Amino acid sequence: MNNNDIVPGFDEEKDDSLRIKLQRVDGVEGALVLYLSGYIDTYNSNFFQKRINRSVEAGFAKLIFNCGGLTYVSSTGIGSFTAFLKSVKPRGGDVVLLEIQPRVYEVFQLLGFSQFFTIMDTLEEAIRYFGKTSTPVAADVFPRVFKCPVCSTRLRANRSGRFRCSRCRTILAVDQGGQVFLG
């Protein structure tokens, strides 16, 4: 299945600096996985925004961005993600970011935007997040194994609270739902 089968006209425009592959999420209405590879900067952010806005207009408000292939995101690119978040929230959606490379995460962190986005380790977690009907009980979530968003060290939390990464010493917070934040 190609991108145009999922979102009509999605591939009308191409940009070699940023490639986007779409995948529907079975069982979760309005959910879409967007595999990003390349980089997002001032020059291609308009292309990026148009592609994603086309997806939102096609009825996808639950956006899962797999950022594993992104090598760089400028402040303009971060602004694009923020704009997507603002456009999907009123539609009952959200934005989840997966597999953020340390260099890219650093830009989110430096600009103070890491706290605004839901960041998860796996696609399965993101699908569960969008498929949930109520807030999970802590017993269902813990123990929770996750990667440090700064150095990618695998860590384990047995309960919600604040923790320090054993490798890079970054302070992390894990909420009762198992979400990981800096802090």
C-alpha atoms as a PDB file:
ATOM      1  CA  MET A   1       0.000   0.000   0.000  1.00  0.00           C
ATOM      2  CA  ASN A   2       1.432   3.398  -0.890  1.00  0.00           C
ATOM      3  CA  ASN A   3       0.951   6.751   0.808  1.00  0.00           C
ATOM      4  CA  ASN A   4      -1.660   7.955  -1.708  1.00  0.00           C
ATOM      5  CA  ASP A   5      -3.871   4.943  -0.858  1.00  0.00           C
ATOM      6  CA  ILE A   6      -3.950   6.097   2.774  1.00  0.00           C
ATOM      7  CA  VAL A   7      -4.091   9.881   2.244  1.00  0.00           C
ATOM      8  CA  PRO A   8      -5.175  10.868  -1.275  1.00  0.00           C
ATOM      9  CA  GLY A   9      -2.616  13.123  -2.965  1.00  0.00           C
ATOM     10  CA  PHE A  10      -0.048  12.735  -0.186  1.00  0.00           C
ATOM     11  CA  ASP A  11       2.847  12.073  -2.572  1.00  0.00           C
ATOM     12  CA  GLU A  12       1.993  14.810  -5.077  1.00  0.00           C
ATOM     13  CA  GLU A  13       5.051  16.686  -3.891  1.00  0.00           C
ATOM     14  CA  LYS A  14       8.437  15.152  -3.004  1.00  0.00           C
ATOM     15  CA  ASP A  15      11.472  16.416  -1.134  1.00  0.00           C
ATOM     16  CA  ASP A  16      14.652  14.341  -1.052  1.00  0.00           C
ATOM     17  CA  SER A  17      15.741  15.872   2.266  1.00  0.00           C
ATOM     18  CA  LEU A  18      12.699  14.446   4.102  1.00  0.00           C
ATOM     19  CA  ARG A  19      10.948  11.192   3.299  1.00  0.00           C
ATOM     20  CA  ILE A  20       7.636  10.264   4.926  1.00  0.00           C
ATOM     21  CA  LYS A  21       6.107   6.770   4.846  1.00  0.00           C
ATOM     22  CA  LEU A  22       2.559   6.307   6.121  1.00  0.00           C
ATOM     23  CA  GLN A  23       1.028   3.306   7.873  1.00  0.00           C
ATOM     24  CA  ARG A  24      -2.538   2.934   9.154  1.00  0.00           C
ATOM     25  CA  VAL A  25      -3.048   1.652  12.691  1.00  0.00           C
ATOM     26  CA  ASP A  26      -5.479  -1.266  12.669  1.00  0.00           C
ATOM     27  CA  GLY A  27      -8.083  -1.102  15.415  1.00  0.00           C
ATOM     28  CA  VAL A  28      -7.577   2.572  16.325  1.00  0.00           C
ATOM     29  CA  GLU A  29      -9.752   4.937  14.348  1.00  0.00           C
ATOM     30  CA  GLY A  30      -7.993   8.070  13.104  1.00  0.00           C
ATOM     31  CA  ALA A  31      -4.500   6.836  14.025  1.00  0.00           C
ATOM     32  CA  LEU A  32      -1.599   7.091  11.602  1.00  0.00           C
ATOM     33  CA  VAL A  33       2.087   6.194  11.890  1.00  0.00           C
ATOM     34  CA  LEU A  34       4.427   8.527  10.001  1.00  0.00           C
ATOM     35  CA  TYR A  35       7.946   7.172   9.487  1.00  0.00           C
ATOM     36  CA  LEU A  36      10.285  10.136   9.018  1.00  0.00           C
ATOM     37  CA  SER A  37      13.772   9.941   7.548  1.00  0.00           C
ATOM     38  CA  GLY A  38      16.145  12.736   6.654  1.00  0.00           C
ATOM     39  CA  TYR A  39      15.996  16.114   8.331  1.00  0.00           C
ATOM     40  CA  ILE A  40      13.571  18.972   8.987  1.00  0.00           C
ATOM     41  CA  ASP A  41      14.818  22.535   8.719  1.00  0.00           C
ATOM     42  CA  THR A  42      13.694  25.984   7.595  1.00  0.00           C
ATOM     43  CA  TYR A  43      13.853  25.013   3.919  1.00  0.00           C
ATOM     44  CA  ASN A  44      11.695  21.888   3.990  1.00  0.00           C
ATOM     45  CA  SER A  45       9.408  22.586   6.967  1.00  0.00           C
ATOM     46  CA  ASN A  46       6.700  24.003   4.687  1.00  0.00           C
ATOM     47  CA  PHE A  47       6.736  20.738   2.690  1.00  0.00           C
ATOM     48  CA  PHE A  48       6.526  18.801   5.988  1.00  0.00           C
ATOM     49  CA  GLN A  49       3.617  20.882   7.282  1.00  0.00           C
ATOM     50  CA  LYS A  50       1.634  20.559   4.042  1.00  0.00           C
ATOM     51  CA  ARG A  51       2.000  16.750   4.027  1.00  0.00           C
ATOM     52  CA  ILE A  52       0.936  16.368   7.657  1.00  0.00           C
ATOM     53  CA  ASN A  53      -1.928  18.867   7.345  1.00  0.00           C
ATOM     54  CA  ARG A  54      -3.193  16.835   4.385  1.00  0.00           C
ATOM     55  CA  SER A  55      -3.216  13.770   6.662  1.00  0.00           C
ATOM     56  CA  VAL A  56      -5.129  15.633   9.384  1.00  0.00           C
ATOM     57  CA  GLU A  57      -7.657  16.884   6.830  1.00  0.00           C
ATOM     58  CA  ALA A  58      -8.101  13.276   5.674  1.00  0.00           C
ATOM     59  CA  GLY A  59      -9.324  12.410   9.201  1.00  0.00           C
ATOM     60  CA  PHE A  60      -6.150  11.352  10.985  1.00  0.00           C
ATOM     61  CA  ALA A  61      -5.886  13.160  14.340  1.00  0.00           C
ATOM     62  CA  LYS A  62      -3.900  10.546  16.276  1.00  0.00           C
ATOM     63  CA  LEU A  63      -0.417  10.978  14.840  1.00  0.00           C
ATOM     64  CA  ILE A  64       2.496   8.720  15.744  1.00  0.00           C
ATOM     65  CA  PHE A  65       5.769  10.083  14.384  1.00  0.00           C
ATOM     66  CA  ASN A  66       8.530   7.483  14.211  1.00  0.00           C
ATOM     67  CA  CYS A  67      11.589   9.741  14.300  1.00  0.00           C
ATOM     68  CA  GLY A  68      14.193   6.957  14.168  1.00  0.00           C
ATOM     69  CA  GLY A  69      15.354   8.080  10.715  1.00  0.00           C
ATOM     70  CA  LEU A  70      15.539  11.800  11.516  1.00  0.00           C
ATOM     71  CA  THR A  71      19.101  13.062  11.737  1.00  0.00           C
ATOM     72  CA  TYR A  72      18.332  16.712  12.486  1.00  0.00           C
ATOM     73  CA  VAL A  73      15.393  18.962  13.401  1.00  0.00           C
ATOM     74  CA  SER A  74      15.784  22.749  13.531  1.00  0.00           C
ATOM     75  CA  SER A  75      13.735  25.065  15.715  1.00  0.00           C
ATOM     76  CA  THR A  76      11.457  25.610  12.694  1.00  0.00           C
ATOM     77  CA  GLY A  77      10.884  21.842  12.544  1.00  0.00           C
ATOM     78  CA  ILE A  78      10.021  21.786  16.247  1.00  0.00           C
ATOM     79  CA  GLY A  79       7.540  24.564  15.511  1.00  0.00           C
ATOM     80  CA  SER A  80       5.928  22.303  12.903  1.00  0.00           C
ATOM     81  CA  PHE A  81       5.385  19.548  15.477  1.00  0.00           C
ATOM     82  CA  THR A  82       3.852  22.137  17.811  1.00  0.00           C
ATOM     83  CA  ALA A  83       1.487  23.296  15.064  1.00  0.00           C
ATOM     84  CA  PHE A  84       0.389  19.673  14.481  1.00  0.00           C
ATOM     85  CA  LEU A  85      -0.320  19.259  18.176  1.00  0.00           C
ATOM     86  CA  LYS A  86      -2.472  22.416  18.153  1.00  0.00           C
ATOM     87  CA  SER A  87      -4.407  21.224  15.091  1.00  0.00           C
ATOM     88  CA  VAL A  88      -5.192  17.685  16.315  1.00  0.00           C
ATOM     89  CA  LYS A  89      -6.069  18.401  19.964  1.00  0.00           C
ATOM     90  CA  PRO A  90      -9.463  20.022  19.119  1.00  0.00           C
ATOM     91  CA  ARG A  91     -10.238  16.953  16.971  1.00  0.00           C
ATOM     92  CA  GLY A  92      -9.708  14.606  19.925  1.00  0.00           C
ATOM     93  CA  GLY A  93      -6.229  13.650  18.761  1.00  0.00           C
ATOM     94  CA  ASP A  94      -2.667  13.892  19.971  1.00  0.00           C
ATOM     95  CA  VAL A  95       0.905  13.591  18.756  1.00  0.00           C
ATOM     96  CA  VAL A  96       3.246  10.821  19.944  1.00  0.00           C
ATOM     97  CA  LEU A  97       6.949  10.808  19.119  1.00  0.00           C
ATOM     98  CA  LEU A  98       8.927   7.559  18.924  1.00  0.00           C
ATOM     99  CA  GLU A  99      12.607   6.657  18.585  1.00  0.00           C
ATOM    100  CA  ILE A 100      13.930  10.202  18.853  1.00  0.00           C
ATOM    101  CA  GLN A 101      17.671  10.241  18.262  1.00  0.00           C
ATOM    102  CA  PRO A 102      19.683  11.892  21.090  1.00  0.00           C
ATOM    103  CA  ARG A 103      20.835  14.750  18.829  1.00  0.00           C
ATOM    104  CA  VAL A 104      17.248  15.505  17.784  1.00  0.00           C
ATOM    105  CA  TYR A 105      15.925  15.158  21.344  1.00  0.00           C
ATOM    106  CA  GLU A 106      18.525  17.668  22.479  1.00  0.00           C
ATOM    107  CA  VAL A 107      16.924  20.338  20.248  1.00  0.00           C
ATOM    108  CA  PHE A 108      13.480  19.594  21.747  1.00  0.00           C
ATOM    109  CA  GLN A 109      15.015  19.818  25.210  1.00  0.00           C
ATOM    110  CA  LEU A 110      17.043  22.984  24.610  1.00  0.00           C
ATOM    111  CA  LEU A 111      13.993  24.806  23.268  1.00  0.00           C
ATOM    112  CA  GLY A 112      11.870  23.597  26.205  1.00  0.00           C
ATOM    113  CA  PHE A 113       9.453  21.597  24.052  1.00  0.00           C
ATOM    114  CA  SER A 114      10.195  18.084  25.322  1.00  0.00           C
ATOM    115  CA  GLN A 115       7.614  18.519  28.091  1.00  0.00           C
ATOM    116  CA  PHE A 116       4.791  19.273  25.630  1.00  0.00           C
ATOM    117  CA  PHE A 117       5.029  16.083  23.646  1.00  0.00           C
ATOM    118  CA  THR A 118       4.166  12.521  24.477  1.00  0.00           C
ATOM    119  CA  ILE A 119       7.354  10.551  23.880  1.00  0.00           C
ATOM    120  CA  MET A 120       7.298   6.764  23.929  1.00  0.00           C
ATOM    121  CA  ASP A 121       9.741   3.952  23.267  1.00  0.00           C
ATOM    122  CA  THR A 122       7.706   1.595  21.085  1.00  0.00           C
ATOM    123  CA  LEU A 123       4.930   1.609  18.520  1.00  0.00           C
ATOM    124  CA  GLU A 124       2.997  -0.848  20.686  1.00  0.00           C
ATOM    125  CA  GLU A 125       3.000   1.650  23.576  1.00  0.00           C
ATOM    126  CA  ALA A 126       1.760   4.420  21.276  1.00  0.00           C
ATOM    127  CA  ILE A 127      -1.039   2.243  19.906  1.00  0.00           C
ATOM    128  CA  ARG A 128      -2.096   1.328  23.450  1.00  0.00           C
ATOM    129  CA  TYR A 129      -2.003   5.032  24.363  1.00  0.00           C
ATOM    130  CA  PHE A 130      -4.414   5.903  21.557  1.00  0.00           C
ATOM    131  CA  GLY A 131      -6.510   2.803  22.061  1.00  0.00           C
ATOM    132  CA  LYS A 132      -7.070   3.316  25.775  1.00  0.00           C
ATOM    133  CA  THR A 133     -10.507   4.191  27.029  1.00  0.00           C
ATOM    134  CA  SER A 134      -9.518   5.155  30.549  1.00  0.00           C
ATOM    135  CA  THR A 135      -6.427   6.015  32.541  1.00  0.00           C
ATOM    136  CA  PRO A 136      -4.418   2.887  33.298  1.00  0.00           C
ATOM    137  CA  VAL A 137      -4.065   1.846  36.894  1.00  0.00           C
ATOM    138  CA  ALA A 138      -0.498   1.898  38.182  1.00  0.00           C
ATOM    139  CA  ALA A 139      -0.577  -1.869  38.721  1.00  0.00           C
ATOM    140  CA  ASP A 140      -1.136  -2.325  34.972  1.00  0.00           C
ATOM    141  CA  VAL A 141       1.824  -0.101  34.088  1.00  0.00           C
ATOM    142  CA  PHE A 142       4.573  -1.014  36.545  1.00  0.00           C
ATOM    143  CA  PRO A 143       7.203  -2.257  36.502  1.00  0.00           C
ATOM    144  CA  ARG A 144       7.972  -0.089  33.462  1.00  0.00           C
ATOM    145  CA  VAL A 145      11.088  -0.498  31.322  1.00  0.00           C
ATOM    146  CA  PHE A 146      11.977   2.557  29.247  1.00  0.00           C
ATOM    147  CA  LYS A 147      14.912   4.277  27.567  1.00  0.00           C
ATOM    148  CA  CYS A 148      16.462   7.422  28.975  1.00  0.00           C
ATOM    149  CA  PRO A 149      15.449  10.145  26.480  1.00  0.00           C
ATOM    150  CA  VAL A 150      18.935  11.679  26.706  1.00  0.00           C
ATOM    151  CA  CYS A 151      21.367   8.733  26.478  1.00  0.00           C
ATOM    152  CA  SER A 152      19.043   5.814  25.524  1.00  0.00           C
ATOM    153  CA  THR A 153      20.098   3.674  28.491  1.00  0.00           C
ATOM    154  CA  ARG A 154      17.384   1.136  29.338  1.00  0.00           C
ATOM    155  CA  LEU A 155      15.960   1.856  32.789  1.00  0.00           C
ATOM    156  CA  ARG A 156      13.316   0.285  35.014  1.00  0.00           C
ATOM    157  CA  ALA A 157      10.784   2.035  37.234  1.00  0.00           C
ATOM    158  CA  ASN A 158       8.804  -0.017  39.746  1.00  0.00           C
ATOM    159  CA  ARG A 159       6.503   2.897  40.589  1.00  0.00           C
ATOM    160  CA  SER A 160       5.786   6.483  39.576  1.00  0.00           C
ATOM    161  CA  GLY A 161       8.133   9.182  40.831  1.00  0.00           C
ATOM    162  CA  ARG A 162      11.420  10.910  40.053  1.00  0.00           C
ATOM    163  CA  PHE A 163      14.531   8.971  39.098  1.00  0.00           C
ATOM    164  CA  ARG A 164      18.091   9.663  38.005  1.00  0.00           C
ATOM    165  CA  CYS A 165      19.524   7.913  34.957  1.00  0.00           C
ATOM    166  CA  SER A 166      22.306   5.607  36.066  1.00  0.00           C
ATOM    167  CA  ARG A 167      24.437   6.523  33.059  1.00  0.00           C
ATOM    168  CA  CYS A 168      24.031  10.243  32.229  1.00  0.00           C
ATOM    169  CA  ARG A 169      22.576  11.306  35.624  1.00  0.00           C
ATOM    170  CA  THR A 170      19.602  13.107  34.020  1.00  0.00           C
ATOM    171  CA  ILE A 171      16.628  13.467  36.354  1.00  0.00           C
ATOM    172  CA  LEU A 172      13.512  11.802  34.956  1.00  0.00           C
ATOM    173  CA  ALA A 173       9.923  11.690  36.151  1.00  0.00           C
ATOM    174  CA  VAL A 174       7.550   8.783  35.527  1.00  0.00           C
ATOM    175  CA  ASP A 175       3.867   9.524  36.028  1.00  0.00           C
ATOM    176  CA  GLN A 176       1.207   7.049  37.212  1.00  0.00           C
ATOM    177  CA  GLY A 177       0.362   6.181  33.614  1.00  0.00           C
ATOM    178  CA  GLY A 178       3.986   5.234  32.910  1.00  0.00           C
ATOM    179  CA  GLN A 179       4.801   8.326  30.803  1.00  0.00           C
ATOM    180  CA  VAL A 180       8.424   9.463  31.075  1.00  0.00           C
ATOM    181  CA  PHE A 181       9.351  13.152  31.295  1.00  0.00           C
ATOM    182  CA  LEU A 182      12.484  15.136  32.065  1.00  0.00           C
ATOM    183  CA  GLY A 183      12.406  16.431  35.449  1.00  0.00           C
END
